[in-house]
C-alpha cells in the first residue's frame, strides 16, 4: 500500500493532469492495488419536500476505513440521471457527514443518493455507492416519470404495523430507561460496543418510524461502470484544482511557467504551481481552506501572452442506475398532508432551532511566524501607502520607475537600508492575492489597511524564488485588483459543507418546556459520529406522537455495516 500511494503522489506532482491521468502511461508492472469504495448511511429512505435527509459517508479500503481521500462527494440523482443536489464534504479518517434540505423544486419520485470520492472512480465494480430515496412533494401535483422500457414500480404503502421487538446484534446493544414517554420528556440512551469492534465508527439516531412504507423490488447499492484508460488521482490533502495554460503568441512555449492561486480573505490560501510540458498545472488545496472565491493568474513577465483555463473533475456517468416509477397509495393523502403542515410550522421556527456550525481551523500561513507584522492602528495613520512605508515599515520600501510605475523592495538590513542585490521581485500579497500591478497598492486608501507584514531574505515557494514577502491585510478583506486578461480568471469554488452539531432542545428548563413554540421534530437525535468512550446520550421527545426507532449503527473494524435497534412510543 505504501508503494502504491507513493506512485500516485509522484504522478500527482509530476504529471499534473487535471486530477486524472492516462493509464497507458503506466508500465504493466506498476502496482495499483487500492480499491477504495464508499458506503452511505442515511437517517431515512422516505422524505417529503421541506424535510432534511441526514447522511454519513464512509470510505473503505481493504475492509478498513480509508485514510487516502480527504474529500468526498454526495449527490442526489433523479430518474433522468441529473444531479439535483450536490455536496462536497470533508473526510476525517475515512468518514464525513452532512444533510440535504429537500426543496420544493424537487418533484415527487424515486431518487438515488450517491456517494463517491475521486479515487473510488478507479474501482469499476464499486465506483460509487447508490441508495434509493423516495420523495413526495405535496406542493405540486407533478411527478417525475421513468421512460425506460424495462421500468418497474416502487410503491409507498400505509404501514400495517410497527415493530415492537428489539433488533439485536451480538456485539452491539442500545437501550432506553423505559418504553413509553410523554411529549417533551427526557430520553436517556445507553449504548455498548464490544471491545473487539470498538475501533469501528458508529452513530446514534432516534427517528419516528414512518407510517409510510417504501417498497422497491430491484434495488442494489453498487453499480458496475465500464473500464476506461483514465486513472483518477486521490485528493489526499484536499480538493484538486487543475487547469491548463495556452500561449497565444508561441504555442509551444507553455512548460515551466508559474501560475498562482489565491483564495483571498482573512485566513487566505496562496499557492504557486509550475506547468508541465503540456501547460497543465494543479493545486492541492488543504481541506481547511475557508474561502471559496478563487483567483488564478499566470505570473510571468509576458503574462499577457497566455490564456488560463480551469478543468473540473469529471462527472459520473449514471446511465447504469435504474429507477422505478413511484406509485403512492391513495390512503396516504391525509397522512402526507398532516406531515406537510407540521413541516411548514417547524421550518417557520428555523431561527430558534438552528444547528450549530462547528469551528473550522483555517489554513496555516505558508510563511508561518517568519515575518515582522505592523498593526497600523498601533501607529499614527498616514495619508498614503508611500508615507506609511517610509514612516512605519522599516523593512521594505517603495520606488518609482522612470515610466511612472512603482516597485516594492524588501531590505536586507534594517539599519543601513541595503537593498537586496538581485533583479528578483518580492512577493506582494493583499488579502492573499498576488499583486502584478503595484499601482493597485500604491494608490490604495491607506486607511483601509489593517496590517503589513514583511519577511526579509529570499523565499522559495512552489519552486519560485522571491526577494522577500510583503503581505498586506485590509480591514474589510475585500481588495480588488485591476488586473484583467485571459491570463487571469476568477471563479467561485464549491465549498465544503460545514460540520454541525445538530439542534437539541433543553426541556429541563421549565421556561422552554412550557413555551408556545411548537415542536414537530421527527428526528429526535442524530449523532453522526460518537467517540469510542461515549456510551450515554440524551434527547427530548417532541410534540409528535407515535413509535420511534432508537438505533446504533456503523462500520465495524472489518468494514462490515452493522446495527441494533430498540423502539419507544410517545403518547
Protein backbone atom coordinates (compact mmCIF):
# COMPACT_ATOMS: atom_id res chain seq x y z
CA UNK A 1 0.00 0.00 0.00
CA UNK A 2 2.80 2.45 0.82
CA UNK A 3 4.36 1.82 -2.58
CA UNK A 4 1.02 2.37 -4.28
CA UNK A 5 0.43 5.72 -2.62
CA UNK A 6 3.98 6.83 -3.36
CA UNK A 7 3.47 6.17 -7.05
CA UNK A 8 0.18 8.04 -7.00
CA UNK A 9 1.84 11.00 -5.33
CA UNK A 10 4.61 11.05 -7.94
CA UNK A 11 2.07 11.14 -10.74
CA UNK A 12 0.11 13.83 -8.93
CA UNK A 13 3.06 16.16 -8.61
CA UNK A 14 4.87 15.48 -11.88
CA UNK A 15 2.16 14.80 -14.44
CA UNK A 16 -0.35 17.31 -13.09
CA UNK A 17 -3.11 16.19 -15.45
CA UNK A 18 -6.38 17.55 -14.13
CA UNK A 19 -6.77 15.12 -11.22
CA UNK A 20 -6.60 12.19 -13.59
CA UNK A 21 -4.01 10.54 -15.83
CA UNK A 22 -3.96 8.09 -18.72
CA UNK A 23 -3.40 4.50 -17.56
CA UNK A 24 -1.49 3.84 -20.77
CA UNK A 25 1.35 5.96 -19.40
CA UNK A 26 1.83 3.35 -16.66
CA UNK A 27 4.07 0.34 -17.09
CA UNK A 28 2.34 -3.04 -16.86
CA UNK A 29 4.24 -3.82 -13.68
CA UNK A 30 3.06 -0.71 -11.87
CA UNK A 31 1.26 -1.79 -8.68
CA UNK A 32 -2.12 -0.19 -8.18
CA UNK A 33 -3.82 -2.30 -5.56
CA UNK A 34 -6.07 0.21 -3.81
CA UNK A 35 -9.80 -0.44 -4.20
CA UNK A 36 -11.28 2.46 -2.29
CA UNK A 37 -15.06 2.27 -2.13
CA UNK A 38 -17.78 4.14 -0.30
CA UNK A 39 -20.81 3.32 1.85
CA UNK A 40 -23.65 5.75 2.55
CA UNK A 41 -25.82 5.72 5.65
CA UNK A 42 -28.98 7.85 5.81
CA UNK A 43 -31.43 8.56 8.60
CA UNK A 44 -34.38 7.71 6.35
CA UNK A 45 -35.26 6.44 2.89
CA UNK A 46 -38.52 8.39 2.61
CA UNK A 47 -38.78 12.18 2.96
CA UNK A 48 -41.13 14.88 1.80
CA UNK A 49 -40.18 18.30 0.45
CA UNK A 50 -39.35 20.63 3.32
CA UNK A 51 -37.55 17.96 5.36
CA UNK A 52 -33.89 17.17 5.92
CA UNK A 53 -32.17 14.00 4.79
CA UNK A 54 -29.18 13.29 7.03
CA UNK A 55 -26.35 11.20 5.64
CA UNK A 56 -22.95 9.82 6.57
CA UNK A 57 -20.29 8.75 4.07
CA UNK A 58 -17.72 6.04 4.80
CA UNK A 59 -14.68 5.39 2.60
CA UNK A 60 -13.25 1.89 2.79
CA UNK A 61 -10.04 0.33 1.51
CA UNK A 62 -9.15 -3.30 2.11
CA UNK A 63 -12.09 -3.66 4.54
CA UNK A 64 -10.93 -0.86 6.83
CA UNK A 65 -11.72 2.84 6.89
CA UNK A 66 -9.59 4.53 4.25
CA UNK A 67 -7.28 7.43 5.08
CA UNK A 68 -6.43 8.12 1.43
CA UNK A 69 -9.13 10.57 0.32
CA UNK A 70 -9.76 13.77 2.27
CA UNK A 71 -12.73 14.95 0.19
CA UNK A 72 -15.96 13.08 -0.56
CA UNK A 73 -18.91 13.84 -2.82
CA UNK A 74 -22.58 13.11 -2.20
CA UNK A 75 -25.25 13.73 -4.84
CA UNK A 76 -29.00 13.33 -5.16
CA UNK A 77 -29.80 12.00 -8.63
CA UNK A 78 -33.23 11.98 -10.29
CA UNK A 79 -34.73 9.49 -12.74
CA UNK A 80 -33.36 11.49 -15.69
CA UNK A 81 -29.88 10.79 -14.27
CA UNK A 82 -29.48 14.50 -13.49
CA UNK A 83 -27.79 15.67 -10.28
CA UNK A 84 -30.32 17.83 -8.43
CA UNK A 85 -28.33 18.35 -5.20
CA UNK A 86 -24.59 18.03 -4.62
CA UNK A 87 -22.34 18.29 -1.59
CA UNK A 88 -18.59 18.29 -1.17
CA UNK A 89 -17.68 17.10 2.32
CA UNK A 90 -14.57 16.87 4.43
CA UNK A 91 -13.40 13.34 5.25
CA UNK A 92 -11.59 12.69 8.52
CA UNK A 93 -10.13 9.19 8.87
CA UNK A 94 -12.47 7.94 6.15
CA UNK A 95 -15.71 9.47 7.45
CA UNK A 96 -17.77 12.58 6.66
CA UNK A 97 -21.36 13.68 7.19
CA UNK A 98 -23.88 16.40 6.38
CA UNK A 99 -27.53 16.78 5.36
CA UNK A 100 -29.65 17.71 2.35
CA UNK A 101 -32.61 20.03 2.74
CA UNK A 102 -35.19 18.84 0.20
CA UNK A 103 -36.53 21.96 -1.55
CA UNK A 104 -39.98 22.41 -3.04
CA UNK A 105 -38.46 22.29 -6.55
CA UNK A 106 -37.79 18.55 -6.24
CA UNK A 107 -40.58 16.54 -7.87
CA UNK A 108 -42.28 13.51 -6.36
CA UNK A 109 -40.50 10.31 -7.33
CA UNK A 110 -37.71 7.85 -6.71
CA UNK A 111 -34.18 9.21 -6.39
CA UNK A 112 -30.71 7.88 -5.66
CA UNK A 113 -28.35 9.33 -3.10
CA UNK A 114 -24.86 8.63 -4.42
CA UNK A 115 -21.54 8.80 -2.59
CA UNK A 116 -18.03 8.61 -4.03
CA UNK A 117 -14.51 10.00 -3.96
CA UNK A 118 -12.37 10.97 -6.93
CA UNK A 119 -10.20 7.94 -6.12
CA UNK A 120 -13.10 5.48 -5.83
CA UNK A 121 -13.88 6.10 -9.52
CA UNK A 122 -10.97 3.74 -10.30
CA UNK A 123 -12.92 0.87 -8.72
CA UNK A 124 -15.06 -0.14 -11.70
CA UNK A 125 -17.13 -2.66 -9.73
CA UNK A 126 -17.82 -0.29 -6.82
CA UNK A 127 -17.15 3.14 -8.31
CA UNK A 128 -19.89 4.75 -6.27
CA UNK A 129 -22.49 3.76 -3.70
CA UNK A 130 -26.14 4.40 -4.53
CA UNK A 131 -29.15 4.14 -2.25
CA UNK A 132 -32.86 4.54 -3.01
CA UNK A 133 -34.55 7.65 -1.65
CA UNK A 134 -38.29 8.21 -2.08
CA UNK A 135 -39.50 11.80 -2.12
CA UNK A 136 -43.04 13.18 -2.08
CA UNK A 137 -43.60 16.84 -2.91
CA UNK A 138 -47.01 17.90 -1.55
CA UNK A 139 -46.60 21.38 -3.06
CA UNK A 140 -47.06 20.21 -6.65
CA UNK A 141 -49.09 17.58 -8.46
CA UNK A 142 -46.24 16.94 -10.91
CA UNK A 143 -44.03 13.91 -10.52
CA UNK A 144 -41.00 12.63 -12.39
CA UNK A 145 -41.56 9.79 -14.83
CA UNK A 146 -39.21 6.97 -15.78
CA UNK A 147 -39.03 6.43 -19.53
CA UNK A 148 -37.11 3.13 -19.62
CA UNK A 149 -38.89 0.31 -21.43
CA UNK A 150 -37.91 -2.01 -18.58
CA UNK A 151 -39.22 0.34 -15.91
CA UNK A 152 -40.52 -1.07 -12.65
CA UNK A 153 -42.78 0.38 -10.00
CA UNK A 154 -41.89 1.22 -6.43
CA UNK A 155 -44.76 1.59 -4.00
CA UNK A 156 -45.49 3.76 -0.98
CA UNK A 157 -47.99 1.99 1.26
CA UNK A 158 -49.57 2.66 4.63
CA UNK A 159 -47.65 0.52 7.12
CA UNK A 160 -49.80 -2.22 8.66
CA UNK A 161 -47.91 -2.45 11.95
CA UNK A 162 -44.81 -1.16 13.70
CA UNK A 163 -42.09 -3.43 15.11
CA UNK A 164 -42.06 -3.88 18.86
CA UNK A 165 -39.22 -6.38 19.30
CA UNK A 166 -35.64 -5.16 19.53
CA UNK A 167 -33.32 -5.73 16.57
CA UNK A 168 -30.32 -7.28 18.27
CA UNK A 169 -26.65 -7.80 17.41
CA UNK A 170 -24.23 -9.94 19.44
CA UNK A 171 -21.59 -7.19 19.62
CA UNK A 172 -23.78 -4.07 19.88
CA UNK A 173 -26.56 -3.01 22.22
CA UNK A 174 -28.70 0.08 22.73
CA UNK A 175 -31.35 0.69 25.38
CA UNK A 176 -33.53 3.38 26.95
CA UNK A 177 -34.73 3.73 30.54
CA UNK A 178 -38.31 2.85 29.54
CA UNK A 179 -40.54 2.12 26.55
CA UNK A 180 -43.25 4.77 26.82
CA UNK A 181 -42.83 8.54 27.01
CA UNK A 182 -44.94 11.64 27.10
CA UNK A 183 -44.36 14.71 24.95
CA UNK A 184 -41.20 16.78 25.66
CA UNK A 185 -39.83 14.16 28.05
CA UNK A 186 -36.18 13.24 28.53
CA UNK A 187 -34.93 10.05 26.86
CA UNK A 188 -31.77 8.52 28.31
CA UNK A 189 -29.93 6.25 25.88
CA UNK A 190 -27.24 3.74 26.80
CA UNK A 191 -25.01 2.03 24.26
CA UNK A 192 -22.48 -0.76 24.49
CA UNK A 193 -19.95 -1.76 21.84
CA UNK A 194 -17.86 -4.90 22.25
CA UNK A 195 -14.13 -4.24 22.65
CA UNK A 196 -13.43 -6.35 19.56
CA UNK A 197 -15.16 -3.81 17.28
CA UNK A 198 -14.68 -0.53 19.18
CA UNK A 199 -12.23 0.70 16.56
CA UNK A 200 -15.12 0.98 14.12
CA UNK A 201 -17.16 4.13 13.52
CA UNK A 202 -20.73 4.42 14.80
CA UNK A 203 -23.70 6.77 15.06
CA UNK A 204 -26.83 7.09 17.20
CA UNK A 205 -30.24 8.07 15.86
CA UNK A 206 -33.76 8.44 17.24
CA UNK A 207 -36.34 8.87 14.49
CA UNK A 208 -40.08 8.41 14.18
CA UNK A 209 -40.94 5.32 12.21
CA UNK A 210 -42.78 6.32 9.07
CA UNK A 211 -46.34 5.17 8.75
CA UNK A 212 -45.39 5.14 5.07
CA UNK A 213 -43.52 2.07 3.85
CA UNK A 214 -41.42 2.20 0.66
CA UNK A 215 -41.01 -0.98 -1.38
CA UNK A 216 -38.64 -1.32 -4.35
CA UNK A 217 -38.07 -4.85 -5.65
CA UNK A 218 -34.98 -4.12 -7.78
CA UNK A 219 -32.71 -2.04 -5.57
CA UNK A 220 -28.93 -2.53 -5.46
CA UNK A 221 -26.22 -0.37 -3.90
CA UNK A 222 -23.24 -0.78 -6.22
CA UNK A 223 -23.34 -0.41 -9.99
CA UNK A 224 -20.51 -1.54 -12.26
CA UNK A 225 -19.07 1.01 -14.66
CA UNK A 226 -17.19 0.46 -17.89
CA UNK A 227 -13.43 0.25 -17.56
CA UNK A 228 -11.55 3.20 -19.04
CA UNK A 229 -8.00 4.34 -19.65
CA UNK A 230 -8.38 7.09 -17.06
CA UNK A 231 -6.70 6.87 -13.68
CA UNK A 232 -8.23 9.18 -11.07
CA UNK A 233 -5.80 10.74 -8.61
CA UNK A 234 -6.85 10.74 -4.94
CA UNK A 235 -7.47 14.02 -3.16
CA UNK A 236 -5.04 13.08 -0.42
CA UNK A 237 -4.65 16.50 1.20
CA UNK A 238 -7.79 18.24 -0.03
CA UNK A 239 -9.52 19.25 -3.22
CA UNK A 240 -7.62 19.22 -6.52
CA UNK A 241 -7.81 22.44 -8.56
CA UNK A 242 -6.37 21.87 -12.01
CA UNK A 243 -6.13 23.57 -15.36
CA UNK A 244 -4.05 24.35 -18.39
CA UNK A 245 -2.43 27.37 -19.99
CA UNK A 246 -2.06 28.08 -23.70
CA UNK A 247 0.30 30.56 -25.34
CA UNK A 248 -1.41 32.76 -27.91
CA UNK A 249 1.92 34.03 -29.31
CA UNK A 250 4.20 30.99 -29.21
CA UNK A 251 2.03 27.89 -28.91
CA UNK A 252 4.94 25.64 -27.88
CA UNK A 253 6.09 27.84 -25.01
CA UNK A 254 3.87 26.56 -22.18
CA UNK A 255 6.17 24.50 -19.95
CA UNK A 256 7.78 25.60 -16.67
CA UNK A 257 5.52 28.64 -16.34
CA UNK A 258 4.36 29.82 -12.93
CA UNK A 259 0.69 30.01 -12.05
CA UNK A 260 -0.62 31.40 -8.75
CA UNK A 261 -3.78 30.50 -6.88
CA UNK A 262 -5.36 32.75 -4.25
CA UNK A 263 -8.36 32.04 -2.06
CA UNK A 264 -8.48 35.54 -0.57
CA UNK A 265 -9.68 36.64 2.84
CA UNK A 266 -8.52 36.74 6.44
CA UNK A 267 -7.45 33.08 6.51
CA UNK A 268 -6.38 33.04 2.89
CA UNK A 269 -4.81 30.28 0.85
CA UNK A 270 -1.97 31.10 -1.55
CA UNK A 271 -0.13 28.61 -3.73
CA UNK A 272 2.25 28.63 -6.70
CA UNK A 273 2.46 25.85 -9.29
CA UNK A 274 4.68 25.25 -12.31
CA UNK A 275 3.22 23.93 -15.57
CA UNK A 276 4.35 20.69 -17.15
CA UNK A 277 5.33 20.19 -20.80
CA UNK A 278 1.66 20.36 -21.85
CA UNK A 279 0.96 23.56 -19.95
CA UNK A 280 -1.00 21.68 -17.30
CA UNK A 281 -0.94 22.68 -13.64
CA UNK A 282 -2.73 21.77 -10.46
CA UNK A 283 -3.07 22.83 -6.84
CA UNK A 284 -3.80 20.50 -3.96
CA UNK A 285 -5.92 22.50 -1.53
CA UNK A 286 -5.70 21.91 2.16
CA UNK A 287 -9.07 20.61 3.39
CA UNK A 288 -9.22 23.51 5.87
CA UNK A 289 -9.37 26.21 3.19
CA UNK A 290 -12.18 28.56 4.14
CA UNK A 291 -12.64 30.96 1.22
CA UNK A 292 -14.49 29.72 -1.86
CA UNK A 293 -13.51 32.60 -4.19
CA UNK A 294 -10.54 31.50 -6.29
CA UNK A 295 -8.24 33.76 -8.32
CA UNK A 296 -5.84 32.06 -10.73
CA UNK A 297 -3.27 34.04 -12.71
CA UNK A 298 -0.14 33.43 -14.74
CA UNK A 299 2.78 35.21 -13.04
CA UNK A 300 5.28 35.65 -15.86
CA UNK A 301 6.79 38.80 -17.38
CA UNK A 302 4.91 38.04 -20.61
CA UNK A 303 1.71 37.03 -18.81
CA UNK A 304 -0.45 38.74 -21.47
CA UNK A 305 0.65 36.04 -23.95
CA UNK A 306 -1.17 33.33 -22.00
CA UNK A 307 -4.70 32.09 -21.55
CA UNK A 308 -5.57 30.07 -18.47
CA UNK A 309 -8.45 27.58 -18.22
CA UNK A 310 -9.66 25.52 -15.29
CA UNK A 311 -10.73 21.93 -15.61
CA UNK A 312 -13.32 20.50 -13.26
CA UNK A 313 -13.22 16.91 -12.08
CA UNK A 314 -15.08 14.67 -14.49
CA UNK A 315 -18.71 13.96 -13.63
CA UNK A 316 -20.04 10.47 -13.06
CA UNK A 317 -21.85 8.51 -15.73
CA UNK A 318 -25.11 7.45 -14.07
CA UNK A 319 -26.56 5.58 -17.05
CA UNK A 320 -26.23 2.29 -15.17
CA UNK A 321 -28.55 3.47 -12.39
CA UNK A 322 -32.05 2.01 -12.53
CA UNK A 323 -35.13 3.85 -11.35
CA UNK A 324 -38.77 2.96 -10.85
CA UNK A 325 -41.97 4.91 -11.18
CA UNK A 326 -43.40 5.72 -7.77
CA UNK A 327 -46.90 4.50 -7.01
CA UNK A 328 -48.47 6.24 -3.99
CA UNK A 329 -51.38 4.58 -2.21
CA UNK A 330 -54.37 6.95 -2.15
CA UNK A 331 -54.81 6.16 1.56
CA UNK A 332 -51.64 8.16 2.25
CA UNK A 333 -53.08 11.53 1.21
CA UNK A 334 -54.24 12.55 4.68
CA UNK A 335 -51.01 11.32 6.33
CA UNK A 336 -48.83 13.29 3.90
CA UNK A 337 -50.92 16.46 4.22
CA UNK A 338 -50.71 16.36 8.03
CA UNK A 339 -46.96 15.81 7.92
CA UNK A 340 -46.53 18.65 5.44
CA UNK A 341 -48.35 21.07 7.75
CA UNK A 342 -46.10 20.05 10.65
CA UNK A 343 -43.01 20.60 8.48
CA UNK A 344 -44.12 24.08 7.45
CA UNK A 345 -44.67 25.04 11.09
CA UNK A 346 -41.31 23.55 12.09
CA UNK A 347 -39.49 25.41 9.31
CA UNK A 348 -41.18 28.68 10.31
CA UNK A 349 -39.23 28.47 13.59
CA UNK A 350 -35.92 27.70 11.89
CA UNK A 351 -34.08 30.59 13.56
CA UNK A 352 -34.98 29.28 17.03
CA UNK A 353 -33.84 25.76 16.14
CA UNK A 354 -30.75 26.42 14.06
CA UNK A 355 -27.98 23.80 14.09
CA UNK A 356 -24.61 24.88 15.45
CA UNK A 357 -21.73 25.16 12.99
CA UNK A 358 -18.56 23.66 14.45
CA UNK A 359 -15.49 25.93 14.20
CA UNK A 360 -13.07 25.15 11.40
CA UNK A 361 -9.42 26.00 11.90
CA UNK A 362 -8.26 27.96 8.88
CA UNK A 363 -5.19 27.10 6.81
CA UNK A 364 -1.79 27.78 8.32
CA UNK A 365 0.01 30.81 6.89
CA UNK A 366 2.63 29.50 4.47
CA UNK A 367 5.44 31.65 5.91
CA UNK A 368 4.24 30.92 9.45
CA UNK A 369 5.93 33.15 12.04
CA UNK A 370 8.77 34.41 9.83
CA UNK A 371 7.58 37.96 9.23
CA UNK A 372 7.57 41.24 11.16
CA UNK A 373 3.97 42.42 11.43
CA UNK A 374 2.94 46.07 11.70
CA UNK A 375 -0.59 46.66 13.01
CA UNK A 376 -1.26 50.14 11.63
CA UNK A 377 -3.72 51.12 14.36
CA UNK A 378 -0.79 51.00 16.76
CA UNK A 379 0.83 53.90 14.90
CA UNK A 380 -0.13 57.36 13.74
CA UNK A 381 -2.01 56.86 10.50
CA UNK A 382 -0.55 58.38 7.32
CA UNK A 383 -2.50 59.52 4.27
CA UNK A 384 -0.74 57.43 1.63
CA UNK A 385 0.77 53.98 1.27
CA UNK A 386 4.11 55.60 0.34
CA UNK A 387 4.20 57.58 3.60
CA UNK A 388 3.16 54.50 5.56
CA UNK A 389 6.15 52.55 4.24
CA UNK A 390 8.54 55.44 4.87
CA UNK A 391 7.40 56.11 8.45
CA UNK A 392 6.33 52.67 9.72
CA UNK A 393 7.51 49.74 7.59
CA UNK A 394 11.29 49.89 8.01
CA UNK A 395 11.97 46.51 6.42
CA UNK A 396 10.65 47.46 2.95
CA UNK A 397 10.36 50.43 0.64
CA UNK A 398 8.69 51.84 -2.44
CA UNK A 399 10.49 53.07 -5.56
CA UNK A 400 9.19 54.84 -8.67
CA UNK A 401 10.41 53.69 -12.07
CA UNK A 402 11.20 56.03 -14.96
CA UNK A 403 7.98 55.08 -16.73
CA UNK A 404 5.83 56.16 -13.79
CA UNK A 405 5.21 52.67 -12.46
CA UNK A 406 6.24 51.64 -8.98
CA UNK A 407 8.12 48.76 -7.45
CA UNK A 408 8.35 47.46 -3.92
CA UNK A 409 11.63 46.34 -2.38
CA UNK A 410 12.49 44.41 0.77
CA UNK A 411 15.65 45.47 2.62
CA UNK A 412 18.41 43.12 3.66
CA UNK A 413 19.38 45.12 6.70
CA UNK A 414 17.08 47.46 8.60
CA UNK A 415 19.96 49.59 9.90
CA UNK A 416 21.51 50.71 6.61
CA UNK A 417 18.66 50.00 4.20
CA UNK A 418 20.88 47.92 1.91
CA UNK A 419 18.75 46.66 -0.95
CA UNK A 420 18.86 43.01 -1.81
CA UNK A 421 21.26 42.81 -4.74
CA UNK A 422 19.04 40.94 -7.16
CA UNK A 423 16.69 41.50 -10.05
CA UNK A 424 14.10 39.31 -8.37
CA UNK A 425 10.96 40.91 -7.02
CA UNK A 426 9.33 40.45 -3.62
CA UNK A 427 6.11 38.52 -3.30
CA UNK A 428 3.48 41.22 -2.84
CA UNK A 429 0.16 40.00 -1.45
CA UNK A 430 -3.01 41.84 -0.47
CA UNK A 431 -5.59 39.69 1.34
CA UNK A 432 -3.81 36.69 -0.19
CA UNK A 433 -3.99 37.97 -3.79
CA UNK A 434 -0.65 38.25 -5.58
CA UNK A 435 -0.24 41.76 -6.99
CA UNK A 436 1.12 42.18 -10.53
CA UNK A 437 0.20 45.85 -10.89
CA UNK A 438 1.92 47.61 -8.00
CA UNK A 439 -0.07 50.78 -8.60
CA UNK A 440 -3.10 48.90 -7.22
CA UNK A 441 -1.36 49.08 -3.84
CA UNK A 442 0.48 52.39 -4.19
CA UNK A 443 -2.76 54.32 -4.74
CA UNK A 444 -4.89 52.25 -2.37
CA UNK A 445 -6.53 54.08 0.54
CA UNK A 446 -4.09 53.53 3.41
CA UNK A 447 -6.92 54.00 5.94
CA UNK A 448 -8.36 50.68 4.73
CA UNK A 449 -5.18 48.74 5.55
CA UNK A 450 -5.15 46.75 8.79
CA UNK A 451 -1.61 45.40 8.83
CA UNK A 452 1.58 45.00 6.80
CA UNK A 453 3.88 42.01 7.34
CA UNK A 454 7.38 41.80 5.86
CA UNK A 455 9.51 38.66 5.51
CA UNK A 456 13.14 39.52 4.76
CA UNK A 457 15.53 37.37 2.77
CA UNK A 458 14.99 35.18 -0.26
CA UNK A 459 11.91 32.99 -0.01
CA UNK A 460 11.31 29.94 -2.20
CA UNK A 461 7.68 28.99 -2.63
CA UNK A 462 6.40 26.44 -5.11
CA UNK A 463 9.94 26.36 -6.65
CA UNK A 464 9.70 30.10 -7.45
CA UNK A 465 12.18 32.41 -5.71
CA UNK A 466 11.04 35.76 -4.31
CA UNK A 467 13.13 38.53 -2.76
CA UNK A 468 11.18 38.61 0.46
CA UNK A 469 7.46 38.92 1.13
CA UNK A 470 5.20 41.92 1.70
CA UNK A 471 1.83 40.73 2.98
CA UNK A 472 -0.88 43.38 3.36
CA UNK A 473 -4.20 42.74 5.10
CA UNK A 474 -7.10 45.12 4.56
CA UNK A 475 -9.68 45.86 7.23
CA UNK A 476 -12.66 44.70 5.15
CA UNK A 477 -10.70 41.94 3.35
CA UNK A 478 -12.37 42.92 0.10
CA UNK A 479 -9.41 44.01 -2.04
CA UNK A 480 -9.98 44.02 -5.80
CA UNK A 481 -7.16 44.01 -8.33
CA UNK A 482 -7.31 45.98 -11.57
CA UNK A 483 -5.65 43.12 -13.46
CA UNK A 484 -7.64 41.86 -16.45
CA UNK A 485 -6.86 39.50 -19.28
CA UNK A 486 -7.03 35.90 -20.44
CA UNK A 487 -4.14 35.05 -18.09
CA UNK A 488 -6.37 35.90 -15.10
CA UNK A 489 -9.57 34.17 -14.04
CA UNK A 490 -11.80 34.36 -11.00
CA UNK A 491 -14.10 31.52 -10.04
CA UNK A 492 -16.33 30.53 -7.15
CA UNK A 493 -15.47 27.07 -5.88
CA UNK A 494 -17.99 24.76 -4.28
CA UNK A 495 -17.47 24.98 -0.55
CA UNK A 496 -17.02 22.07 1.78
CA UNK A 497 -20.16 21.52 3.81
CA UNK A 498 -19.65 22.76 7.37
CA UNK A 499 -19.58 20.27 10.20
CA UNK A 500 -22.51 20.67 12.55
CA UNK A 501 -23.79 19.92 15.98
CA UNK A 502 -27.45 19.21 15.42
CA UNK A 503 -30.07 21.12 17.37
CA UNK A 504 -31.40 19.66 20.61
CA UNK A 505 -33.98 21.43 22.81
CA UNK A 506 -33.32 21.52 26.55
CA UNK A 507 -36.68 20.93 28.19
CA UNK A 508 -35.18 20.61 31.66
CA UNK A 509 -35.55 24.39 31.52
CA UNK A 510 -39.21 24.89 32.52
CA UNK A 511 -39.41 28.10 30.51
CA UNK A 512 -38.54 26.21 27.33
CA UNK A 513 -40.73 23.28 28.33
CA UNK A 514 -43.80 25.48 28.61
CA UNK A 515 -43.09 27.89 25.78
CA UNK A 516 -45.53 28.21 22.91
CA UNK A 517 -43.07 27.30 20.16
CA UNK A 518 -44.36 24.07 18.59
CA UNK A 519 -42.01 21.12 18.32
CA UNK A 520 -42.72 18.82 15.40
CA UNK A 521 -39.33 17.14 15.19
CA UNK A 522 -39.43 13.62 13.80
CA UNK A 523 -35.67 13.22 14.19
CA UNK A 524 -35.19 13.47 17.95
CA UNK A 525 -31.46 12.72 17.93
CA UNK A 526 -28.75 12.46 15.27
CA UNK A 527 -25.18 11.96 16.46
CA UNK A 528 -23.34 11.05 13.25
CA UNK A 529 -20.08 10.13 14.95
CA UNK A 530 -19.66 9.00 18.54
CA UNK A 531 -16.36 8.82 20.38
CA UNK A 532 -15.04 5.43 21.46
CA UNK A 533 -15.69 6.11 25.15
CA UNK A 534 -19.09 7.74 24.67
CA UNK A 535 -21.84 5.42 25.93
CA UNK A 536 -24.64 7.68 27.18
CA UNK A 537 -26.80 10.09 25.20
CA UNK A 538 -29.88 12.13 25.90
CA UNK A 539 -32.67 13.60 23.83
CA UNK A 540 -36.14 15.00 24.36
CA UNK A 541 -39.33 13.82 22.75
CA UNK A 542 -41.24 16.36 20.67
CA UNK A 543 -44.94 17.08 20.21
CA UNK A 544 -45.11 14.26 17.64
CA UNK A 545 -46.71 11.05 18.88
CA UNK A 546 -46.00 7.57 17.63
CA UNK A 547 -43.34 4.86 17.53
CA UNK A 548 -39.69 5.90 17.33
CA UNK A 549 -36.67 3.78 16.46
CA UNK A 550 -33.58 4.19 18.66
CA UNK A 551 -30.66 2.92 16.58
CA UNK A 552 -26.93 2.34 16.96
CA UNK A 553 -25.22 1.56 13.67
CA UNK A 554 -21.98 1.92 11.81
CA UNK A 555 -18.99 0.25 10.25
CA UNK A 556 -17.05 -2.22 12.38
CA UNK A 557 -13.28 -2.70 12.22
CA UNK A 558 -13.72 -5.34 9.48
CA UNK A 559 -15.53 -2.94 7.16
CA UNK A 560 -18.94 -4.54 7.76
CA UNK A 561 -22.02 -2.39 8.30
CA UNK A 562 -23.85 -3.45 11.48
CA UNK A 563 -26.74 -2.10 13.54
CA UNK A 564 -29.00 -2.69 16.51
CA UNK A 565 -32.29 -1.01 17.42
CA UNK A 566 -34.87 -0.65 20.14
CA UNK A 567 -38.26 1.06 19.95
CA UNK A 568 -40.11 3.56 22.11
CA UNK A 569 -43.57 5.09 21.90
CA UNK A 570 -44.54 8.70 22.55
CA UNK A 571 -48.13 9.04 23.74
